[in-house]
Amino acid sequence: MIFSQTLRKEFSRAALMTLVVLLGILLTMTVVRLLGLAAGGGLSADAVAAMVGFGALTYLPVILSASVFTALLMTLSRFYRDSEMIIWLSSGVSLSQFLLPILRFSLPMALVVGLMSLVVTPWAIGQRAEYQSRLDNRDDTSQITPGVFRESKQSDQVFFVDAFSQGASKVSNVFVQSVQNGKLGVIAADTGYADNHSNGDRFIVLEHGRRYEGEPGTANYSLVDFGEAELRVDQKAGNGASLSVKSMNLGQLLTHPNLEAWGELHWRLGLPISLLVLAVLTVPLSYVNTRGGRSTNMIFALLAYMVYYNTMSIAQAWVVQARLSYWVGLWPVHLIFFLLGWIMLRKRQSLFSWRWLLFAWKHRGQRN
């Protein structure tokens, strides 16, 4: 009981710490990238928070799996470095007995990862695609950012506003450049606002401005001062987001039995299974030789983690390309790494047994 409780507390503390760190890194990188797009006008500022949330839900199963693997590895490695493992082994606990507490801790985490990979992640990917589709279908004026030149999707107009005023209902210092019938037009106005007519047409109303129009390379330009002018905004027809395999739920994957759907199904089922296999691998990979490098085992563990997931990706691609039967899928990959971990565990345990026998024989000889 003391043995299981000690391991459970150590695993939980390390997993929570690792999850917070990895999730913080993911959110920071996502926010920086999206803020850069928003500053450049490639993304609306009010869409950053939603995109960050959808991105976090998309990658959370992999992050949670990596957190559990890292927590188990760090805890067991610390046992070796602090000689706690020697105490447990000398009290009659074998390495195989570590598997039960590890699996008790990893199994609920694997169920959470499976739930997220089968339900939450496809939903988040679908919602993100639908939200991105709504953003793409909005007119150009709704995506204007103060202080940034914004080009229309048809590349025939350029907008610039200095700032919002009156609760974002109006903009000040408006600049619009357009090309129509081979003539270049430039409008500079003090203020502007959006207006919807009764027939559904959308217009930009500019107040107190001046329009320059002419042909580039010639002196044939006209100048018009106006108190109010309207510019029509082209409306885009709403196109629904296309349903990708990654955004399909479990029922849709089973009702669309093509190779790509089978590959995606094997990947989603493989994520919780890989967590359990990696949990078994942590026992032999956590061994630390106190006389050697203190981080050598972490390098091998990182390589094993990368090779495992890259092999899963290769097997998934082979299923999609019909180079591997969809009935086989990713199961050989999980089986190979599980057997590898079990063999390494038995070998490590036999080495410890021989060392303890040799130590006991020498100690008995000294007493005699």
Protein backbone atom coordinates (compact mmCIF):
# COMPACT_ATOMS: atom_id res chain seq x y z
CA MET A 1 0.00 0.00 0.00
CA ILE A 2 2.80 2.43 0.87
CA PHE A 3 4.60 1.47 -2.34
CA SER A 4 1.54 2.14 -4.56
CA GLN A 5 0.57 5.37 -2.80
CA THR A 6 4.10 6.75 -3.05
CA LEU A 7 4.32 6.06 -6.76
CA ARG A 8 0.85 7.44 -7.45
CA LYS A 9 1.62 10.72 -5.69
CA GLU A 10 4.96 11.08 -7.45
CA PHE A 11 3.43 10.29 -10.86
CA SER A 12 0.51 12.70 -10.38
CA ARG A 13 2.73 15.57 -9.26
CA ALA A 14 5.19 15.11 -12.13
CA ALA A 15 2.42 14.64 -14.72
CA LEU A 16 0.63 17.82 -13.66
CA MET A 17 3.85 19.82 -13.76
CA THR A 18 4.81 18.44 -17.19
CA LEU A 19 1.33 19.03 -18.60
CA VAL A 20 1.35 22.66 -17.47
CA VAL A 21 4.78 23.24 -19.02
CA LEU A 22 4.00 21.56 -22.35
CA LEU A 23 0.58 23.19 -22.60
CA GLY A 24 2.13 26.57 -21.80
CA ILE A 25 4.69 26.10 -24.57
CA LEU A 26 1.97 25.09 -27.04
CA LEU A 27 -0.29 28.02 -26.15
CA THR A 28 2.60 30.49 -26.29
CA MET A 29 3.70 29.36 -29.74
CA THR A 30 0.11 29.36 -31.01
CA VAL A 31 -0.67 32.81 -29.62
CA VAL A 32 2.54 34.32 -31.03
CA ARG A 33 1.83 32.87 -34.49
CA LEU A 34 -1.82 33.99 -34.52
CA LEU A 35 -1.02 37.45 -33.20
CA GLY A 36 1.51 37.81 -36.00
CA LEU A 37 -1.21 36.93 -38.51
CA ALA A 38 -3.62 39.35 -36.87
CA ALA A 39 -1.05 42.16 -36.89
CA GLY A 40 -0.42 41.56 -40.58
CA GLY A 41 -4.12 41.54 -41.40
CA GLY A 42 -4.21 37.82 -42.20
CA LEU A 43 -6.57 37.08 -39.30
CA SER A 44 -9.23 39.05 -37.52
CA ALA A 45 -8.22 40.11 -34.01
CA ASP A 46 -11.46 38.81 -32.50
CA ALA A 47 -10.75 35.33 -33.89
CA VAL A 48 -7.44 34.80 -32.08
CA ALA A 49 -8.94 33.46 -28.83
CA ALA A 50 -11.21 30.97 -30.64
CA MET A 51 -8.36 29.70 -32.83
CA VAL A 52 -6.12 29.25 -29.76
CA GLY A 53 -8.83 27.21 -28.03
CA PHE A 54 -9.45 24.98 -31.05
CA GLY A 55 -5.71 24.47 -31.52
CA ALA A 56 -5.21 23.47 -27.87
CA LEU A 57 -8.03 20.91 -28.05
CA THR A 58 -6.59 19.51 -31.28
CA TYR A 59 -3.16 18.76 -29.85
CA LEU A 60 -4.20 18.00 -26.27
CA PRO A 61 -4.26 14.16 -26.65
CA VAL A 62 -0.64 14.12 -27.85
CA ILE A 63 0.37 16.62 -25.16
CA LEU A 64 -1.32 14.55 -22.45
CA SER A 65 0.34 11.35 -23.68
CA ALA A 66 3.75 13.03 -23.72
CA SER A 67 3.13 14.41 -20.22
CA VAL A 68 2.36 10.96 -18.78
CA PHE A 69 5.40 9.40 -20.46
CA THR A 70 7.68 12.19 -19.24
CA ALA A 71 6.25 12.06 -15.71
CA LEU A 72 6.80 8.31 -15.39
CA LEU A 73 10.29 8.56 -16.81
CA MET A 74 11.32 11.50 -14.61
CA THR A 75 9.98 9.87 -11.44
CA LEU A 76 11.65 6.50 -11.98
CA SER A 77 14.90 8.14 -13.08
CA ARG A 78 14.93 10.22 -9.90
CA PHE A 79 14.49 7.02 -7.90
CA TYR A 80 17.71 5.71 -9.44
CA ARG A 81 19.64 8.97 -8.97
CA ASP A 82 18.59 9.36 -5.34
CA SER A 83 19.16 5.64 -4.59
CA GLU A 84 15.49 5.18 -3.70
CA MET A 85 15.26 2.39 -6.25
CA ILE A 86 17.96 0.48 -4.35
CA ILE A 87 15.85 0.71 -1.20
CA TRP A 88 12.76 -0.63 -2.96
CA LEU A 89 14.69 -3.45 -4.61
CA SER A 90 16.44 -4.41 -1.37
CA SER A 91 13.07 -4.59 0.37
CA GLY A 92 11.94 -7.33 -2.03
CA VAL A 93 10.20 -5.24 -4.72
CA SER A 94 11.14 -6.32 -8.25
CA LEU A 95 11.04 -4.18 -11.37
CA SER A 96 8.03 -6.12 -12.64
CA GLN A 97 6.08 -5.02 -9.57
CA PHE A 98 6.43 -1.42 -10.73
CA LEU A 99 4.21 -2.21 -13.72
CA LEU A 100 1.01 -2.52 -11.69
CA PRO A 101 1.13 1.00 -10.12
CA ILE A 102 2.30 2.42 -13.45
CA LEU A 103 -0.59 0.83 -15.35
CA ARG A 104 -3.07 1.87 -12.65
CA PHE A 105 -1.94 5.44 -13.16
CA SER A 106 -1.70 5.24 -16.97
CA LEU A 107 -4.97 3.44 -17.71
CA PRO A 108 -7.30 6.33 -16.69
CA MET A 109 -5.05 8.70 -18.62
CA ALA A 110 -5.26 6.41 -21.66
CA LEU A 111 -9.06 6.44 -21.40
CA VAL A 112 -9.01 10.26 -21.34
CA VAL A 113 -6.67 10.34 -24.35
CA GLY A 114 -8.92 7.88 -26.18
CA LEU A 115 -12.02 9.96 -25.44
CA MET A 116 -10.33 13.11 -26.65
CA SER A 117 -8.85 11.52 -29.79
CA LEU A 118 -12.17 9.91 -30.76
CA VAL A 119 -14.56 12.71 -29.79
CA VAL A 120 -13.04 16.02 -28.72
CA THR A 121 -10.25 16.43 -31.29
CA PRO A 122 -12.46 15.73 -34.38
CA TRP A 123 -15.04 18.14 -33.02
CA ALA A 124 -12.39 20.83 -32.47
CA ILE A 125 -10.97 20.34 -35.98
CA GLY A 126 -14.44 20.56 -37.51
CA GLN A 127 -15.36 23.65 -35.51
CA ARG A 128 -12.08 25.31 -36.44
CA ALA A 129 -12.64 24.62 -40.15
CA GLU A 130 -16.20 25.93 -39.94
CA TYR A 131 -15.08 29.03 -38.06
CA GLN A 132 -12.29 29.64 -40.58
CA SER A 133 -14.83 29.27 -43.39
CA ARG A 134 -17.05 31.92 -41.79
CA LEU A 135 -14.06 34.23 -41.48
CA ASP A 136 -13.15 33.70 -45.14
CA ASN A 137 -16.73 34.43 -46.22
CA ARG A 138 -16.87 37.76 -44.42
CA ASP A 139 -16.50 40.88 -46.51
CA ASP A 140 -13.21 42.74 -46.64
CA THR A 141 -14.30 45.64 -44.46
CA SER A 142 -15.01 43.41 -41.46
CA GLN A 143 -11.37 42.29 -41.45
CA ILE A 144 -9.82 45.74 -41.46
CA THR A 145 -7.28 46.34 -38.70
CA PRO A 146 -6.42 49.93 -37.67
CA GLY A 147 -2.98 51.00 -38.81
CA VAL A 148 -2.62 48.13 -41.33
CA PHE A 149 -3.08 48.25 -45.10
CA ARG A 150 -5.59 45.57 -46.10
CA GLU A 151 -5.96 44.28 -49.64
CA SER A 152 -9.30 42.93 -50.82
CA LYS A 153 -9.66 39.28 -51.81
CA GLN A 154 -10.11 40.35 -55.44
CA SER A 155 -6.85 42.37 -55.22
CA ASP A 156 -8.58 45.41 -56.73
CA GLN A 157 -8.86 47.53 -53.57
CA VAL A 158 -6.62 48.52 -50.68
CA PHE A 159 -8.06 49.82 -47.40
CA PHE A 160 -6.45 51.70 -44.55
CA VAL A 161 -7.98 53.25 -41.44
CA ASP A 162 -6.15 55.11 -38.74
CA ALA A 163 -8.35 54.24 -35.76
CA PHE A 164 -11.84 53.28 -34.65
CA SER A 165 -14.09 55.85 -33.02
CA GLN A 166 -17.54 56.01 -31.41
CA GLY A 167 -17.49 52.46 -30.11
CA ALA A 168 -15.97 50.97 -33.28
CA SER A 169 -19.00 52.04 -35.32
CA LYS A 170 -16.94 54.63 -37.20
CA VAL A 171 -13.37 54.84 -38.45
CA SER A 172 -11.22 57.91 -38.90
CA ASN A 173 -8.66 58.93 -41.54
CA VAL A 174 -9.80 56.48 -44.21
CA PHE A 175 -7.71 55.65 -47.29
CA VAL A 176 -9.09 53.56 -50.18
CA GLN A 177 -7.29 52.73 -53.40
CA SER A 178 -9.13 50.96 -56.20
CA VAL A 179 -8.68 50.10 -59.87
CA GLN A 180 -11.71 50.23 -62.16
CA ASN A 181 -11.77 50.17 -65.98
CA GLY A 182 -8.02 50.70 -66.10
CA LYS A 183 -8.21 53.84 -63.99
CA LEU A 184 -6.63 54.26 -60.58
CA GLY A 185 -8.78 55.83 -57.91
CA VAL A 186 -7.65 57.09 -54.52
CA ILE A 187 -10.04 58.26 -51.83
CA ALA A 188 -9.07 60.02 -48.62
CA ALA A 189 -11.83 60.77 -46.13
CA ASP A 190 -12.03 62.05 -42.57
CA THR A 191 -14.51 59.42 -41.30
CA GLY A 192 -16.42 56.41 -42.53
CA TYR A 193 -18.89 53.77 -41.43
CA ALA A 194 -20.66 50.67 -42.76
CA ASP A 195 -24.30 50.79 -43.84
CA ASN A 196 -26.67 48.03 -44.93
CA HIS A 197 -29.45 48.92 -47.36
CA SER A 198 -32.92 47.43 -47.26
CA ASN A 199 -32.19 45.17 -50.25
CA GLY A 200 -29.26 43.56 -48.41
CA ASP A 201 -26.46 45.42 -50.20
CA ARG A 202 -23.60 46.58 -48.01
CA PHE A 203 -21.96 49.97 -48.50
CA ILE A 204 -19.12 51.92 -46.95
CA VAL A 205 -20.16 55.52 -46.37
CA LEU A 206 -17.27 58.02 -46.44
CA GLU A 207 -17.65 61.56 -45.13
CA HIS A 208 -15.73 64.74 -45.88
CA GLY A 209 -13.20 63.46 -48.34
CA ARG A 210 -11.57 63.82 -51.72
CA ARG A 211 -11.28 61.43 -54.65
CA TYR A 212 -8.43 61.31 -57.17
CA GLU A 213 -8.99 59.34 -60.36
CA GLY A 214 -6.90 58.93 -63.48
CA GLU A 215 -4.69 56.75 -65.64
CA PRO A 216 -1.22 55.91 -64.29
CA GLY A 217 1.58 57.40 -66.38
CA THR A 218 -0.52 60.27 -67.71
CA ALA A 219 -1.56 63.68 -66.47
CA ASN A 220 -5.21 62.91 -67.05
CA TYR A 221 -6.44 63.03 -63.45
CA SER A 222 -9.67 64.35 -61.98
CA LEU A 223 -10.21 65.68 -58.47
CA VAL A 224 -13.57 65.59 -56.69
CA ASP A 225 -14.38 66.86 -53.20
CA PHE A 226 -17.41 65.30 -51.52
CA GLY A 227 -19.34 65.57 -48.33
CA GLU A 228 -20.57 61.97 -48.45
CA ALA A 229 -19.88 59.07 -50.80
CA GLU A 230 -20.84 55.40 -50.86
CA LEU A 231 -18.70 52.46 -51.92
CA ARG A 232 -20.41 49.13 -52.52
CA VAL A 233 -18.83 46.10 -50.84
CA ASP A 234 -19.00 42.81 -52.71
CA GLN A 235 -20.62 40.07 -50.66
CA LYS A 236 -19.21 36.57 -50.80
CA ALA A 237 -21.52 33.62 -50.97
CA GLY A 238 -21.23 31.45 -47.90
CA ASN A 239 -19.49 28.17 -48.61
CA GLY A 240 -19.69 25.47 -45.96
CA ALA A 241 -16.48 23.99 -44.69
CA SER A 242 -15.56 20.78 -46.46
CA LEU A 243 -15.70 17.69 -44.24
CA SER A 244 -12.19 16.29 -43.91
CA VAL A 245 -11.32 12.88 -42.52
CA LYS A 246 -9.72 14.42 -39.42
CA SER A 247 -12.97 16.22 -38.55
CA MET A 248 -15.21 13.13 -38.95
CA ASN A 249 -16.60 11.55 -35.84
CA LEU A 250 -16.43 7.82 -35.16
CA GLY A 251 -19.77 7.09 -36.79
CA GLN A 252 -18.86 8.96 -39.96
CA LEU A 253 -15.54 7.12 -40.22
CA LEU A 254 -17.31 3.77 -39.96
CA THR A 255 -19.90 4.75 -42.57
CA HIS A 256 -17.19 5.95 -45.01
CA PRO A 257 -14.96 2.86 -45.14
CA ASN A 258 -12.26 4.16 -47.48
CA LEU A 259 -8.54 3.78 -46.91
CA GLU A 260 -8.09 7.32 -45.59
CA ALA A 261 -10.86 6.78 -43.03
CA TRP A 262 -9.30 3.49 -41.92
CA GLY A 263 -5.93 5.17 -41.49
CA GLU A 264 -7.47 7.94 -39.39
CA LEU A 265 -9.39 5.40 -37.27
CA HIS A 266 -6.24 3.39 -36.57
CA TRP A 267 -4.40 6.58 -35.57
CA ARG A 268 -7.09 7.63 -33.10
CA LEU A 269 -7.25 4.19 -31.52
CA GLY A 270 -3.46 4.04 -31.49
CA LEU A 271 -3.00 7.11 -29.31
CA PRO A 272 -4.33 5.59 -26.04
CA ILE A 273 -2.69 2.25 -26.84
CA SER A 274 0.66 3.95 -27.42
CA LEU A 275 0.39 5.63 -24.01
CA LEU A 276 0.13 2.23 -22.30
CA VAL A 277 3.01 0.81 -24.36
CA LEU A 278 5.17 3.83 -23.54
CA ALA A 279 4.30 3.37 -19.86
CA VAL A 280 5.77 -0.14 -20.01
CA LEU A 281 8.85 1.19 -21.78
CA THR A 282 9.54 3.71 -19.01
CA VAL A 283 10.56 0.97 -16.56
CA PRO A 284 13.67 -0.23 -18.45
CA LEU A 285 14.38 3.18 -20.03
CA SER A 286 14.47 4.95 -16.66
CA TYR A 287 17.59 3.11 -15.48
CA VAL A 288 20.35 5.56 -14.55
CA ASN A 289 23.95 4.54 -14.00
CA THR A 290 25.01 6.79 -11.14
CA ARG A 291 28.64 6.44 -12.23
CA GLY A 292 27.87 7.53 -15.78
CA GLY A 293 25.89 10.34 -17.36
CA ARG A 294 22.79 11.42 -15.47
CA SER A 295 20.80 12.26 -18.62
CA THR A 296 21.84 9.50 -21.00
CA ASN A 297 18.66 7.51 -20.40
CA MET A 298 16.53 10.60 -21.19
CA ILE A 299 18.17 10.86 -24.61
CA PHE A 300 17.38 7.20 -25.38
CA ALA A 301 13.83 7.66 -24.07
CA LEU A 302 13.32 10.70 -26.30
CA LEU A 303 14.61 8.77 -29.30
CA ALA A 304 12.30 5.85 -28.47
CA TYR A 305 9.32 8.25 -28.22
CA MET A 306 10.12 9.88 -31.56
CA VAL A 307 10.74 6.55 -33.32
CA TYR A 308 7.48 5.15 -31.94
CA TYR A 309 5.29 8.00 -33.17
CA ASN A 310 7.12 8.30 -36.49
CA THR A 311 6.60 4.58 -37.06
CA MET A 312 2.91 5.02 -36.29
CA SER A 313 2.73 7.82 -38.86
CA ILE A 314 4.48 5.66 -41.46
CA ALA A 315 2.11 2.75 -40.79
CA GLN A 316 -0.89 5.08 -41.09
CA ALA A 317 0.42 6.38 -44.43
CA TRP A 318 0.90 2.79 -45.64
CA VAL A 319 -2.72 2.01 -44.76
CA VAL A 320 -3.91 5.04 -46.75
CA GLN A 321 -1.68 4.04 -49.68
CA ALA A 322 -2.93 0.42 -49.56
CA ARG A 323 0.61 -0.82 -48.88
CA LEU A 324 -0.60 -2.27 -45.59
CA SER A 325 -3.91 -3.98 -44.99
CA TYR A 326 -6.43 -1.87 -43.12
CA TRP A 327 -7.23 -4.94 -40.99
CA VAL A 328 -3.60 -4.94 -39.82
CA GLY A 329 -3.24 -1.20 -39.41
CA LEU A 330 -0.98 0.04 -36.62
CA TRP A 331 -1.25 -3.08 -34.44
CA PRO A 332 2.17 -4.52 -35.44
CA VAL A 333 3.82 -1.27 -34.38
CA HIS A 334 2.26 -1.42 -30.91
CA LEU A 335 3.09 -5.11 -30.59
CA ILE A 336 6.73 -4.65 -31.60
CA PHE A 337 7.34 -1.83 -29.13
CA PHE A 338 5.48 -3.66 -26.35
CA LEU A 339 7.61 -6.77 -26.88
CA LEU A 340 10.71 -4.60 -27.03
CA GLY A 341 9.82 -3.00 -23.71
CA TRP A 342 9.02 -6.35 -22.12
CA ILE A 343 12.31 -7.88 -23.29
CA MET A 344 14.26 -4.87 -22.01
CA LEU A 345 12.41 -5.10 -18.68
CA ARG A 346 13.18 -8.81 -18.26
CA LYS A 347 16.80 -8.26 -19.19
CA ARG A 348 17.16 -5.40 -16.73
CA GLN A 349 15.47 -7.43 -14.01
CA SER A 350 17.77 -10.43 -14.60
CA LEU A 351 20.80 -8.15 -14.39
CA PHE A 352 19.61 -6.82 -11.04
CA SER A 353 18.98 -10.37 -9.81
CA TRP A 354 22.48 -11.47 -10.69
CA ARG A 355 23.95 -8.39 -9.02
CA TRP A 356 22.00 -9.04 -5.82
CA LEU A 357 23.08 -12.69 -5.80
CA LEU A 358 26.71 -11.71 -6.32
CA PHE A 359 26.48 -9.07 -3.61
CA ALA A 360 24.89 -11.53 -1.15
CA TRP A 361 27.54 -14.18 -1.89
CA LYS A 362 30.39 -11.70 -1.34
CA HIS A 363 28.80 -10.40 1.84
CA ARG A 364 28.39 -13.95 3.16
CA GLY A 365 32.03 -14.75 2.33
CA GLN A 366 33.22 -11.70 4.25
CA ARG A 367 31.25 -12.74 7.34
CA ASN A 368 32.66 -16.24 7.20
